[in-house]
């Protein structure tokens, strides 16, 4: 399954430190890791939220592939418009989720208000 994840610069640097192979653990106030199912939705989040909520005013969209069989255990959540679809991965499952990433995490878009 091809997934997307909008991130800020700090999270992107942690992904880079992993060799673009995994996402960093969630913070205590982040009980869910939510990759999204389409690039359009990821771009909206990166541009509207990450750009405003980060000190450097930048947002990025990452793209990656995860084993289909593994992903099938998570129900697709629609959280707004019909294309606002996410998988909700419990934070304590993220290490296992990372092990099912196929290949590397790549950056496909960058947004800035500078």
N, C-alpha and C. Protein backbone atom coordinates (compact mmCIF):
# COMPACT_ATOMS: atom_id res chain seq x y z
N UNK A 1 0.85 -1.17 0.00
CA UNK A 1 0.00 0.00 0.00
C UNK A 1 0.90 1.23 0.00
N UNK A 2 0.61 2.16 -0.90
CA UNK A 2 1.33 3.42 -0.93
C UNK A 2 0.63 4.38 0.03
N UNK A 3 1.41 4.98 0.92
CA UNK A 3 0.90 5.91 1.91
C UNK A 3 1.69 7.20 1.87
N UNK A 4 1.13 8.23 2.49
CA UNK A 4 1.77 9.54 2.56
C UNK A 4 1.73 10.02 4.00
N UNK A 5 2.70 10.84 4.36
CA UNK A 5 2.73 11.38 5.72
C UNK A 5 3.20 12.83 5.64
N UNK A 6 2.35 13.77 6.05
CA UNK A 6 2.79 15.15 6.15
C UNK A 6 3.63 15.33 7.41
N UNK A 7 4.76 16.01 7.28
CA UNK A 7 5.67 16.19 8.42
C UNK A 7 6.24 17.60 8.43
N UNK A 8 6.73 18.01 9.58
CA UNK A 8 7.49 19.24 9.70
C UNK A 8 8.97 18.93 9.62
N UNK A 9 9.78 19.96 9.71
CA UNK A 9 11.23 19.81 9.57
C UNK A 9 11.83 18.92 10.65
N UNK A 10 11.39 19.08 11.89
CA UNK A 10 11.96 18.28 12.99
C UNK A 10 11.74 16.79 12.75
N UNK A 11 10.51 16.42 12.36
CA UNK A 11 10.23 15.00 12.10
C UNK A 11 11.00 14.52 10.88
N UNK A 12 11.11 15.37 9.87
CA UNK A 12 11.86 14.99 8.67
C UNK A 12 13.33 14.71 9.00
N UNK A 13 13.91 15.50 9.90
CA UNK A 13 15.31 15.28 10.27
C UNK A 13 15.48 13.94 11.00
N UNK A 14 14.50 13.55 11.80
CA UNK A 14 14.55 12.24 12.46
C UNK A 14 14.40 11.10 11.45
N UNK A 15 13.56 11.30 10.45
CA UNK A 15 13.43 10.31 9.38
C UNK A 15 14.76 10.18 8.63
N UNK A 16 15.38 11.32 8.35
CA UNK A 16 16.68 11.32 7.67
C UNK A 16 17.72 10.57 8.48
N UNK A 17 17.73 10.78 9.80
CA UNK A 17 18.69 10.09 10.68
C UNK A 17 18.51 8.57 10.62
N UNK A 18 17.32 8.12 10.30
CA UNK A 18 17.07 6.68 10.21
C UNK A 18 17.48 6.11 8.85
N UNK A 19 18.03 6.97 7.99
CA UNK A 19 18.35 6.54 6.63
C UNK A 19 17.10 6.47 5.76
N UNK A 20 16.09 7.24 6.14
CA UNK A 20 14.80 7.28 5.44
C UNK A 20 14.11 5.91 5.46
N UNK A 21 14.27 5.22 6.59
CA UNK A 21 13.69 3.88 6.71
C UNK A 21 12.57 3.78 7.73
N UNK A 22 12.43 4.78 8.62
CA UNK A 22 11.37 4.67 9.63
C UNK A 22 10.95 6.03 10.16
N UNK A 23 9.78 6.03 10.77
CA UNK A 23 9.24 7.22 11.41
C UNK A 23 9.60 7.20 12.89
N UNK A 24 9.85 8.37 13.47
CA UNK A 24 10.24 8.42 14.89
C UNK A 24 9.08 8.09 15.81
N UNK A 25 9.39 7.68 17.03
CA UNK A 25 8.32 7.39 18.01
C UNK A 25 7.45 8.63 18.21
N UNK A 26 6.22 8.38 18.55
CA UNK A 26 5.28 9.47 18.83
C UNK A 26 5.61 10.11 20.17
N UNK A 27 5.26 11.37 20.31
CA UNK A 27 5.39 12.06 21.58
C UNK A 27 4.27 11.59 22.50
N UNK A 28 4.41 11.77 23.82
CA UNK A 28 3.37 11.30 24.75
C UNK A 28 1.96 11.80 24.41
N UNK A 29 1.86 13.02 23.89
CA UNK A 29 0.55 13.57 23.55
C UNK A 29 0.05 13.15 22.16
N UNK A 30 0.77 12.21 21.52
CA UNK A 30 0.40 11.71 20.19
C UNK A 30 0.13 10.21 20.26
N UNK A 31 -1.08 9.81 20.63
CA UNK A 31 -1.36 8.39 20.80
C UNK A 31 -1.53 7.61 19.49
N UNK A 32 -1.66 8.35 18.38
CA UNK A 32 -1.90 7.70 17.10
C UNK A 32 -0.93 8.24 16.04
N UNK A 33 -0.42 7.35 15.23
CA UNK A 33 0.34 7.70 14.04
C UNK A 33 -0.63 7.55 12.88
N UNK A 34 -0.80 8.59 12.09
CA UNK A 34 -1.81 8.51 11.04
C UNK A 34 -1.24 8.84 9.66
N UNK A 35 -0.76 7.84 8.95
CA UNK A 35 -0.42 8.05 7.55
C UNK A 35 -1.72 8.22 6.76
N UNK A 36 -1.64 8.96 5.66
CA UNK A 36 -2.84 9.20 4.86
C UNK A 36 -2.75 8.45 3.54
N UNK A 37 -3.91 8.25 2.92
CA UNK A 37 -3.99 7.38 1.75
C UNK A 37 -3.81 8.07 0.41
N UNK A 38 -3.75 9.40 0.40
CA UNK A 38 -3.55 10.06 -0.88
C UNK A 38 -2.74 11.34 -0.73
N UNK A 39 -2.06 11.67 -1.79
CA UNK A 39 -1.14 12.81 -1.77
C UNK A 39 -1.87 14.14 -1.62
N UNK A 40 -3.05 14.27 -2.21
CA UNK A 40 -3.81 15.52 -2.11
C UNK A 40 -4.09 15.88 -0.65
N UNK A 41 -4.54 14.91 0.11
CA UNK A 41 -4.84 15.14 1.53
C UNK A 41 -3.55 15.47 2.29
N UNK A 42 -2.49 14.74 2.02
CA UNK A 42 -1.21 15.00 2.69
C UNK A 42 -0.71 16.42 2.39
N UNK A 43 -0.88 16.86 1.16
CA UNK A 43 -0.46 18.21 0.80
C UNK A 43 -1.27 19.26 1.54
N UNK A 44 -2.56 19.04 1.68
CA UNK A 44 -3.40 19.97 2.44
C UNK A 44 -2.90 20.12 3.87
N UNK A 45 -2.60 19.01 4.51
CA UNK A 45 -2.14 19.05 5.89
C UNK A 45 -0.78 19.75 5.98
N UNK A 46 0.16 19.38 5.10
CA UNK A 46 1.49 19.99 5.13
C UNK A 46 1.42 21.49 4.91
N UNK A 47 0.60 21.91 3.96
CA UNK A 47 0.52 23.33 3.61
C UNK A 47 -0.28 24.13 4.63
N UNK A 48 -1.38 23.58 5.12
CA UNK A 48 -2.26 24.33 6.02
C UNK A 48 -1.89 24.22 7.49
N UNK A 49 -1.26 23.10 7.88
CA UNK A 49 -0.97 22.88 9.30
C UNK A 49 0.51 22.91 9.60
N UNK A 50 1.30 22.08 8.92
CA UNK A 50 2.73 22.01 9.23
C UNK A 50 3.41 23.36 9.02
N UNK A 51 3.07 24.06 7.96
CA UNK A 51 3.70 25.35 7.68
C UNK A 51 3.41 26.35 8.80
N UNK A 52 2.21 26.31 9.35
CA UNK A 52 1.83 27.24 10.42
C UNK A 52 2.31 26.81 11.79
N UNK A 53 2.46 25.50 11.99
CA UNK A 53 2.77 24.97 13.33
C UNK A 53 4.24 24.68 13.57
N UNK A 54 5.11 25.04 12.65
CA UNK A 54 6.53 24.78 12.85
C UNK A 54 7.30 26.10 12.89
N UNK A 55 8.38 26.11 13.63
CA UNK A 55 9.14 27.35 13.81
C UNK A 55 9.76 27.86 12.51
N UNK A 56 10.07 26.97 11.59
CA UNK A 56 10.67 27.41 10.31
C UNK A 56 9.63 27.58 9.21
N UNK A 57 8.36 27.35 9.54
CA UNK A 57 7.24 27.54 8.60
C UNK A 57 7.40 26.71 7.33
N UNK A 58 7.79 25.45 7.52
CA UNK A 58 7.92 24.53 6.40
C UNK A 58 7.13 23.25 6.68
N UNK A 59 6.62 22.67 5.62
CA UNK A 59 5.93 21.39 5.71
C UNK A 59 6.34 20.53 4.53
N UNK A 60 6.34 19.24 4.74
CA UNK A 60 6.78 18.29 3.71
C UNK A 60 5.77 17.16 3.61
N UNK A 61 5.72 16.55 2.43
CA UNK A 61 4.91 15.35 2.24
C UNK A 61 5.87 14.22 1.92
N UNK A 62 5.79 13.16 2.71
CA UNK A 62 6.59 11.97 2.44
C UNK A 62 5.69 10.90 1.83
N UNK A 63 6.32 10.02 1.07
CA UNK A 63 5.62 8.92 0.41
C UNK A 63 6.40 7.65 0.71
N UNK A 64 5.68 6.57 0.95
CA UNK A 64 6.34 5.31 1.28
C UNK A 64 5.38 4.16 1.03
N UNK A 65 5.93 2.97 0.99
CA UNK A 65 5.12 1.78 0.77
C UNK A 65 5.19 0.89 2.00
N UNK A 66 4.04 0.30 2.34
CA UNK A 66 3.96 -0.61 3.48
C UNK A 66 3.28 -1.90 2.99
N UNK A 67 3.74 -3.00 3.53
CA UNK A 67 3.21 -4.32 3.19
C UNK A 67 1.68 -4.32 3.28
N UNK A 68 1.03 -4.72 2.18
CA UNK A 68 -0.44 -4.74 2.12
C UNK A 68 -1.07 -5.62 3.19
N UNK A 69 -0.52 -6.80 3.40
CA UNK A 69 -1.10 -7.71 4.40
C UNK A 69 -1.08 -7.09 5.78
N UNK A 70 0.02 -6.44 6.13
CA UNK A 70 0.12 -5.79 7.43
C UNK A 70 -0.92 -4.67 7.54
N UNK A 71 -1.02 -3.83 6.51
CA UNK A 71 -1.95 -2.69 6.54
C UNK A 71 -3.41 -3.12 6.63
N UNK A 72 -3.71 -4.30 6.15
CA UNK A 72 -5.11 -4.74 6.10
C UNK A 72 -5.75 -4.86 7.49
N UNK A 73 -4.94 -4.91 8.54
CA UNK A 73 -5.51 -5.01 9.88
C UNK A 73 -6.06 -3.68 10.40
N UNK A 74 -5.72 -2.58 9.71
CA UNK A 74 -6.15 -1.26 10.15
C UNK A 74 -7.30 -0.77 9.27
N UNK A 75 -8.38 -0.35 9.90
CA UNK A 75 -9.54 0.15 9.17
C UNK A 75 -9.24 1.55 8.63
N UNK A 76 -9.64 1.80 7.41
CA UNK A 76 -9.48 3.13 6.83
C UNK A 76 -10.47 4.07 7.50
N UNK A 77 -9.95 5.19 7.97
CA UNK A 77 -10.77 6.20 8.64
C UNK A 77 -10.97 7.38 7.70
N UNK A 78 -12.21 7.79 7.48
CA UNK A 78 -12.50 8.99 6.71
C UNK A 78 -12.86 10.08 7.71
N UNK A 79 -12.07 11.16 7.72
CA UNK A 79 -12.17 12.14 8.80
C UNK A 79 -12.65 13.52 8.35
N UNK A 80 -13.20 13.59 7.20
CA UNK A 80 -13.70 14.86 6.66
C UNK A 80 -14.30 14.59 5.31
N UNK A 81 -13.74 15.21 4.30
CA UNK A 81 -14.18 14.96 2.94
C UNK A 81 -13.87 13.52 2.55
N UNK A 82 -14.43 13.07 1.45
CA UNK A 82 -14.29 11.67 1.05
C UNK A 82 -12.84 11.25 0.84
N UNK A 83 -11.98 12.17 0.47
CA UNK A 83 -10.57 11.83 0.25
C UNK A 83 -9.71 12.04 1.50
N UNK A 84 -10.28 12.48 2.59
CA UNK A 84 -9.56 12.65 3.85
C UNK A 84 -9.49 11.31 4.58
N UNK A 85 -8.68 10.41 4.01
CA UNK A 85 -8.61 9.06 4.54
C UNK A 85 -7.25 8.79 5.17
N UNK A 86 -7.30 8.13 6.31
CA UNK A 86 -6.11 7.83 7.11
C UNK A 86 -6.17 6.40 7.63
N UNK A 87 -5.01 5.90 8.00
CA UNK A 87 -4.93 4.70 8.83
C UNK A 87 -4.55 5.19 10.22
N UNK A 88 -5.18 4.65 11.23
CA UNK A 88 -4.84 5.01 12.61
C UNK A 88 -4.02 3.88 13.21
N UNK A 89 -2.73 4.15 13.39
CA UNK A 89 -1.80 3.18 13.95
C UNK A 89 -1.54 3.58 15.40
N UNK A 90 -1.87 2.75 16.37
CA UNK A 90 -1.56 3.09 17.76
C UNK A 90 -0.06 3.37 17.92
N UNK A 91 0.27 4.37 18.71
CA UNK A 91 1.67 4.77 18.88
C UNK A 91 2.56 3.60 19.28
N UNK A 92 2.04 2.70 20.10
CA UNK A 92 2.86 1.57 20.54
C UNK A 92 3.04 0.51 19.45
N UNK A 93 2.39 0.68 18.30
CA UNK A 93 2.54 -0.22 17.14
C UNK A 93 3.52 0.34 16.11
N UNK A 94 3.99 1.57 16.32
CA UNK A 94 4.78 2.24 15.29
C UNK A 94 6.07 1.49 14.95
N UNK A 95 6.73 0.93 15.94
CA UNK A 95 7.96 0.17 15.67
C UNK A 95 7.67 -1.00 14.73
N UNK A 96 6.58 -1.71 14.97
CA UNK A 96 6.19 -2.82 14.09
C UNK A 96 5.82 -2.29 12.71
N UNK A 97 5.05 -1.19 12.67
CA UNK A 97 4.69 -0.57 11.40
C UNK A 97 5.95 -0.26 10.59
N UNK A 98 6.93 0.35 11.24
CA UNK A 98 8.19 0.70 10.55
C UNK A 98 8.86 -0.51 9.93
N UNK A 99 8.78 -1.65 10.57
CA UNK A 99 9.40 -2.87 10.05
C UNK A 99 8.72 -3.36 8.78
N UNK A 100 7.51 -2.88 8.50
CA UNK A 100 6.77 -3.31 7.32
C UNK A 100 6.87 -2.30 6.17
N UNK A 101 7.68 -1.24 6.37
CA UNK A 101 7.92 -0.29 5.28
C UNK A 101 8.81 -0.97 4.26
N UNK A 102 8.42 -0.86 3.00
CA UNK A 102 9.17 -1.45 1.90
C UNK A 102 9.97 -0.34 1.22
N UNK A 103 11.28 -0.48 1.19
CA UNK A 103 12.10 0.56 0.57
C UNK A 103 12.29 1.74 1.50
N UNK A 104 12.44 2.91 0.89
CA UNK A 104 12.71 4.12 1.67
C UNK A 104 11.55 5.10 1.63
N UNK A 105 11.54 5.96 2.62
CA UNK A 105 10.59 7.06 2.71
C UNK A 105 11.16 8.20 1.86
N UNK A 106 10.38 8.72 0.95
CA UNK A 106 10.88 9.80 0.11
C UNK A 106 10.05 11.08 0.32
N UNK A 107 10.67 12.21 0.11
CA UNK A 107 9.98 13.49 0.17
C UNK A 107 9.47 13.82 -1.23
N UNK A 108 8.17 14.06 -1.36
CA UNK A 108 7.59 14.35 -2.67
C UNK A 108 7.14 15.80 -2.83
N UNK A 109 6.97 16.53 -1.72
CA UNK A 109 6.55 17.93 -1.78
C UNK A 109 7.12 18.70 -0.60
N UNK A 110 7.32 19.98 -0.83
CA UNK A 110 7.76 20.89 0.24
C UNK A 110 6.94 22.17 0.14
N UNK A 111 6.51 22.67 1.31
CA UNK A 111 5.73 23.88 1.37
C UNK A 111 6.38 24.84 2.36
N UNK A 112 6.25 26.13 2.08
CA UNK A 112 6.82 27.15 2.95
C UNK A 112 6.02 28.43 2.80
N UNK A 113 5.94 29.21 3.86
CA UNK A 113 5.29 30.52 3.72
C UNK A 113 6.33 31.63 3.71
N UNK A 114 7.59 31.24 3.59
CA UNK A 114 8.67 32.25 3.53
C UNK A 114 8.82 32.77 2.12
